[in-house]
């Protein structure tokens, strides 16, 4: 056997060996990823059966999947012949550098843990945070996802959520509808108040307790501003507010109460001309 044949035989043997390792690594990665997803879903269903809060269950599901997926990657590299023991040591040594370069993501992860622990909101709540308003779809490891009223999906880093103001519209079972209605100075204030009170009380979704209220809020430049306050179930707030604005406008017009446009009176003083 010539040297060329020996070299070719060695190359063939190594190529066959590496080909098997690559195939094994691909299979481990593909099926391992599937198993990781399956196990995280099983864990999620188990947590839901124990009546665990959906927010916490979803967050833990994502954490479990991330950990299992890391194991799958290490197993795939090991099948390729990579010394994973030394790799883990190198990864640990590089962890500080990676942590510094990914400090924002680390902050997002920590904020995600705080969201789950403190529970300022849960999945399904309507909130305003980081300048955005919508329904909470999910709380992930690094971000919180909102769905807006016009069906947009907004992904907000968890650190932005925890570092800013959070308004939860779903936390309380009832909510007040504050309206401000301006009427002309020449109108009958008592009559306008009675019309607004009757309109609010007539709406089937306005609560009787606390009872609706109305009164003078301020004497503005162009109008007498009246307040109209009523309480509804939180889920009815938007629709009832729209109904009341329309009904109050119609009933005030029927009652001869006008809603003035902003106006300004200008007086021009012309000095008398000297004779």
Protein backbone atom coordinates (compact mmCIF):
# COMPACT_ATOMS: atom_id res chain seq x y z
CA UNK A 1 0.00 0.00 0.00
CA UNK A 2 1.41 3.34 -1.06
CA UNK A 3 1.58 6.41 1.15
CA UNK A 4 -1.16 8.04 -0.90
CA UNK A 5 -3.48 5.12 -0.27
CA UNK A 6 -2.70 5.18 3.46
CA UNK A 7 -3.47 8.91 3.66
CA UNK A 8 -6.70 8.42 1.70
CA UNK A 9 -7.72 5.58 4.00
CA UNK A 10 -7.08 7.71 7.09
CA UNK A 11 -9.03 10.63 5.63
CA UNK A 12 -11.93 8.32 4.80
CA UNK A 13 -11.95 6.84 8.30
CA UNK A 14 -11.85 10.27 9.96
CA UNK A 15 -14.50 11.62 7.58
CA UNK A 16 -16.81 8.72 8.36
CA UNK A 17 -16.22 9.21 12.09
CA UNK A 18 -16.90 12.96 11.95
CA UNK A 19 -19.94 12.43 9.71
CA UNK A 20 -21.46 10.12 12.32
CA UNK A 21 -20.69 12.62 15.05
CA UNK A 22 -22.28 15.47 13.08
CA UNK A 23 -25.39 13.39 12.40
CA UNK A 24 -25.57 12.46 16.09
CA UNK A 25 -25.17 16.10 17.15
CA UNK A 26 -27.94 17.19 14.77
CA UNK A 27 -30.26 14.46 16.05
CA UNK A 28 -29.50 15.31 19.67
CA UNK A 29 -30.10 19.00 19.02
CA UNK A 30 -33.35 18.46 17.09
CA UNK A 31 -34.93 15.88 19.40
CA UNK A 32 -33.47 17.52 22.50
CA UNK A 33 -35.08 20.82 21.57
CA UNK A 34 -38.40 19.04 21.04
CA UNK A 35 -38.10 17.24 24.38
CA UNK A 36 -37.21 20.50 26.14
CA UNK A 37 -40.35 22.13 24.74
CA UNK A 38 -42.44 19.09 25.67
CA UNK A 39 -41.14 18.96 29.24
CA UNK A 40 -41.61 22.70 29.77
CA UNK A 41 -45.20 22.39 28.56
CA UNK A 42 -45.82 19.41 30.85
CA UNK A 43 -44.42 21.41 33.76
CA UNK A 44 -46.64 24.35 32.80
CA UNK A 45 -49.75 22.16 32.73
CA UNK A 46 -48.78 20.70 36.10
CA UNK A 47 -48.39 24.16 37.61
CA UNK A 48 -51.78 25.19 36.23
CA UNK A 49 -53.40 22.13 37.81
CA UNK A 50 -52.10 23.30 41.19
CA UNK A 51 -53.94 26.61 40.53
CA UNK A 52 -50.67 28.52 40.32
CA UNK A 53 -51.01 32.05 38.99
CA UNK A 54 -50.77 32.07 35.18
CA UNK A 55 -48.17 34.85 35.25
CA UNK A 56 -45.82 32.86 37.49
CA UNK A 57 -46.51 29.59 35.66
CA UNK A 58 -45.70 31.14 32.28
CA UNK A 59 -42.51 32.73 33.58
CA UNK A 60 -41.28 29.46 35.14
CA UNK A 61 -42.12 27.62 31.92
CA UNK A 62 -39.77 29.93 30.00
CA UNK A 63 -37.02 29.50 32.61
CA UNK A 64 -37.32 25.69 32.54
CA UNK A 65 -37.15 25.65 28.75
CA UNK A 66 -34.06 27.88 28.72
CA UNK A 67 -32.26 25.60 31.20
CA UNK A 68 -33.16 22.41 29.32
CA UNK A 69 -32.15 23.96 26.00
CA UNK A 70 -28.73 24.82 27.46
CA UNK A 71 -28.32 21.14 28.44
CA UNK A 72 -29.24 20.11 24.89
CA UNK A 73 -26.59 22.41 23.41
CA UNK A 74 -23.91 21.03 25.74
CA UNK A 75 -24.92 17.45 24.85
CA UNK A 76 -24.74 18.26 21.13
CA UNK A 77 -21.26 19.73 21.49
CA UNK A 78 -20.17 16.72 23.54
CA UNK A 79 -21.25 14.37 20.75
CA UNK A 80 -19.01 16.32 18.38
CA UNK A 81 -16.05 15.56 20.62
CA UNK A 82 -15.87 18.99 22.20
CA UNK A 83 -14.60 18.79 25.78
CA UNK A 84 -17.67 20.21 27.49
CA UNK A 85 -16.00 20.13 30.91
CA UNK A 86 -13.39 22.61 29.80
CA UNK A 87 -16.07 24.43 27.83
CA UNK A 88 -18.16 24.94 30.94
CA UNK A 89 -15.07 26.21 32.75
CA UNK A 90 -14.33 28.62 29.92
CA UNK A 91 -17.97 29.73 29.86
CA UNK A 92 -17.83 30.34 33.58
CA UNK A 93 -14.66 32.38 33.22
CA UNK A 94 -16.21 34.32 30.35
CA UNK A 95 -19.43 34.78 32.29
CA UNK A 96 -18.27 38.03 33.84
CA UNK A 97 -17.35 39.52 30.49
CA UNK A 98 -20.58 38.32 28.93
CA UNK A 99 -22.51 39.63 31.92
CA UNK A 100 -20.97 43.06 31.48
CA UNK A 101 -21.68 43.11 27.77
CA UNK A 102 -25.24 41.87 28.35
CA UNK A 103 -25.90 43.91 31.47
CA UNK A 104 -29.16 45.20 30.01
CA UNK A 105 -30.43 41.65 29.51
CA UNK A 106 -29.35 40.71 33.02
CA UNK A 107 -31.28 43.72 34.30
CA UNK A 108 -34.29 42.61 32.25
CA UNK A 109 -34.09 39.12 33.75
CA UNK A 110 -33.89 40.51 37.28
CA UNK A 111 -36.82 42.82 36.57
CA UNK A 112 -38.79 39.86 35.24
CA UNK A 113 -38.21 38.02 38.52
CA UNK A 114 -39.42 41.09 40.43
CA UNK A 115 -42.55 41.32 38.27
CA UNK A 116 -43.39 37.71 39.04
CA UNK A 117 -42.68 38.12 42.76
CA UNK A 118 -44.33 41.51 43.34
CA UNK A 119 -47.15 40.89 40.83
CA UNK A 120 -48.06 44.49 39.93
CA UNK A 121 -50.11 42.90 37.14
CA UNK A 122 -50.89 39.49 35.70
CA UNK A 123 -51.63 38.03 32.29
CA UNK A 124 -54.89 39.48 30.98
CA UNK A 125 -54.72 42.75 32.94
CA UNK A 126 -55.02 46.07 31.09
CA UNK A 127 -52.08 48.26 32.06
CA UNK A 128 -50.18 51.39 31.09
CA UNK A 129 -46.42 51.02 31.42
CA UNK A 130 -43.40 52.49 29.66
CA UNK A 131 -45.75 54.84 27.83
CA UNK A 132 -47.83 52.02 26.32
CA UNK A 133 -51.35 50.80 27.14
CA UNK A 134 -52.70 47.35 26.41
CA UNK A 135 -53.63 43.90 27.66
CA UNK A 136 -50.79 41.77 29.07
CA UNK A 137 -50.29 38.78 26.78
CA UNK A 138 -47.30 37.21 28.51
CA UNK A 139 -44.42 37.95 30.86
CA UNK A 140 -41.25 36.41 29.45
CA UNK A 141 -37.74 36.10 30.86
CA UNK A 142 -36.53 39.36 29.32
CA UNK A 143 -39.64 41.20 28.17
CA UNK A 144 -43.34 41.78 28.76
CA UNK A 145 -45.64 41.61 25.75
CA UNK A 146 -48.74 43.82 25.48
CA UNK A 147 -51.59 43.73 23.00
CA UNK A 148 -53.01 47.20 22.32
CA UNK A 149 -56.66 48.01 21.67
CA UNK A 150 -55.94 48.39 17.94
CA UNK A 151 -54.43 44.88 17.88
CA UNK A 152 -50.75 45.81 17.90
CA UNK A 153 -48.21 43.66 19.74
CA UNK A 154 -45.70 45.63 21.81
CA UNK A 155 -42.63 44.05 23.44
CA UNK A 156 -41.32 46.05 26.40
CA UNK A 157 -38.05 45.19 28.20
CA UNK A 158 -38.81 44.16 31.78
CA UNK A 159 -36.37 46.73 33.20
CA UNK A 160 -38.34 49.51 31.48
CA UNK A 161 -41.50 48.18 33.09
CA UNK A 162 -40.10 48.08 36.62
CA UNK A 163 -38.21 51.38 36.36
CA UNK A 164 -41.29 53.36 35.35
CA UNK A 165 -44.85 53.97 36.42
CA UNK A 166 -47.31 51.09 36.20
CA UNK A 167 -51.04 51.81 36.01
CA UNK A 168 -53.20 48.70 36.38
CA UNK A 169 -56.76 49.29 35.18
CA UNK A 170 -57.88 45.75 36.02
CA UNK A 171 -56.75 45.53 39.63
CA UNK A 172 -59.96 46.97 41.11
CA UNK A 173 -63.39 45.55 40.36
CA UNK A 174 -65.04 48.94 39.86
CA UNK A 175 -63.94 52.21 38.34
CA UNK A 176 -65.23 55.78 38.28
CA UNK A 177 -66.10 57.59 35.03
CA UNK A 178 -65.19 61.28 35.49
CA UNK A 179 -66.77 63.58 32.91
CA UNK A 180 -66.45 67.36 32.56
CA UNK A 181 -69.26 69.13 30.71
CA UNK A 182 -69.19 72.87 29.97
CA UNK A 183 -72.44 74.85 29.75
CA UNK A 184 -73.13 78.49 28.92
CA UNK A 185 -73.13 81.07 31.70
CA UNK A 186 -76.75 81.90 30.88
CA UNK A 187 -77.99 78.32 31.36
CA UNK A 188 -79.78 76.93 34.43
CA UNK A 189 -77.06 75.09 36.40
CA UNK A 190 -79.53 73.11 38.54
CA UNK A 191 -81.44 71.94 35.48
CA UNK A 192 -78.21 70.83 33.79
CA UNK A 193 -77.15 68.91 36.91
CA UNK A 194 -80.54 67.17 37.12
CA UNK A 195 -80.35 66.14 33.45
CA UNK A 196 -76.88 64.66 33.91
CA UNK A 197 -77.89 62.80 37.08
CA UNK A 198 -81.00 61.38 35.41
CA UNK A 199 -78.97 60.32 32.36
CA UNK A 200 -76.35 58.53 34.44
CA UNK A 201 -78.92 56.85 36.70
CA UNK A 202 -80.91 55.63 33.68
CA UNK A 203 -77.97 53.69 32.25
CA UNK A 204 -78.35 50.01 33.15
CA UNK A 205 -74.63 49.45 33.76
CA UNK A 206 -74.08 52.44 36.04
CA UNK A 207 -73.87 51.24 39.66
CA UNK A 208 -76.36 52.49 42.23
CA UNK A 209 -73.73 52.42 44.98
CA UNK A 210 -71.78 54.66 44.93
CA UNK A 211 -74.54 56.83 43.47
CA UNK A 212 -73.86 59.15 40.51
CA UNK A 213 -72.98 62.73 41.39
CA UNK A 214 -72.81 66.08 39.59
CA UNK A 215 -71.81 69.62 40.53
CA UNK A 216 -69.93 72.75 39.54
CA UNK A 217 -66.25 72.11 38.93
CA UNK A 218 -65.04 75.57 37.89
CA UNK A 219 -66.05 78.87 36.38
CA UNK A 220 -63.98 78.80 33.23
CA UNK A 221 -63.31 81.51 30.66
CA UNK A 222 -66.05 80.48 28.23
CA UNK A 223 -68.24 78.10 30.22
CA UNK A 224 -69.40 76.86 33.59
CA UNK A 225 -67.73 73.45 33.84
CA UNK A 226 -69.78 70.77 35.58
CA UNK A 227 -68.49 67.40 36.72
CA UNK A 228 -70.47 64.18 36.28
CA UNK A 229 -69.19 61.10 38.12
CA UNK A 230 -70.53 57.57 38.01
CA UNK A 231 -69.20 54.11 38.91
CA UNK A 232 -69.23 51.00 36.74
CA UNK A 233 -67.68 47.54 36.59
CA UNK A 234 -64.12 47.87 35.31
CA UNK A 235 -64.82 45.83 32.17
CA UNK A 236 -67.68 48.16 31.20
CA UNK A 237 -65.75 51.43 31.61
CA UNK A 238 -64.97 52.28 27.96
CA UNK A 239 -68.40 51.46 26.54
CA UNK A 240 -70.35 53.16 29.33
CA UNK A 241 -68.21 56.30 29.07
CA UNK A 242 -68.97 56.57 25.36
CA UNK A 243 -72.69 56.00 26.01
CA UNK A 244 -72.86 58.66 28.73
CA UNK A 245 -71.07 61.30 26.65
CA UNK A 246 -73.53 60.78 23.82
CA UNK A 247 -76.65 60.57 26.02
CA UNK A 248 -75.73 63.62 28.12
CA UNK A 249 -75.12 65.71 25.00
CA UNK A 250 -78.48 64.68 23.51
CA UNK A 251 -80.43 65.23 26.74
CA UNK A 252 -78.82 68.60 27.46
CA UNK A 253 -79.74 69.79 23.97
CA UNK A 254 -83.31 68.59 24.44
CA UNK A 255 -83.45 70.47 27.76
CA UNK A 256 -82.33 73.73 26.18
CA UNK A 257 -78.84 73.59 27.73
CA UNK A 258 -76.11 74.73 25.34
CA UNK A 259 -72.47 73.69 25.29
CA UNK A 260 -70.57 76.82 24.21
CA UNK A 261 -67.57 77.11 21.95
CA UNK A 262 -64.47 78.72 23.47
CA UNK A 263 -64.79 82.43 22.92
CA UNK A 264 -63.08 85.67 23.83
CA UNK A 265 -64.52 89.18 23.99
CA UNK A 266 -62.17 91.88 22.71
CA UNK A 267 -62.76 95.54 23.57
CA UNK A 268 -60.96 98.15 21.49
CA UNK A 269 -60.41 101.46 23.19
CA UNK A 270 -59.92 104.31 20.75
CA UNK A 271 -58.63 107.51 22.36
CA UNK A 272 -60.55 110.63 21.45
CA UNK A 273 -58.78 112.75 18.88
CA UNK A 274 -57.62 116.13 20.08
CA UNK A 275 -59.49 119.07 18.59
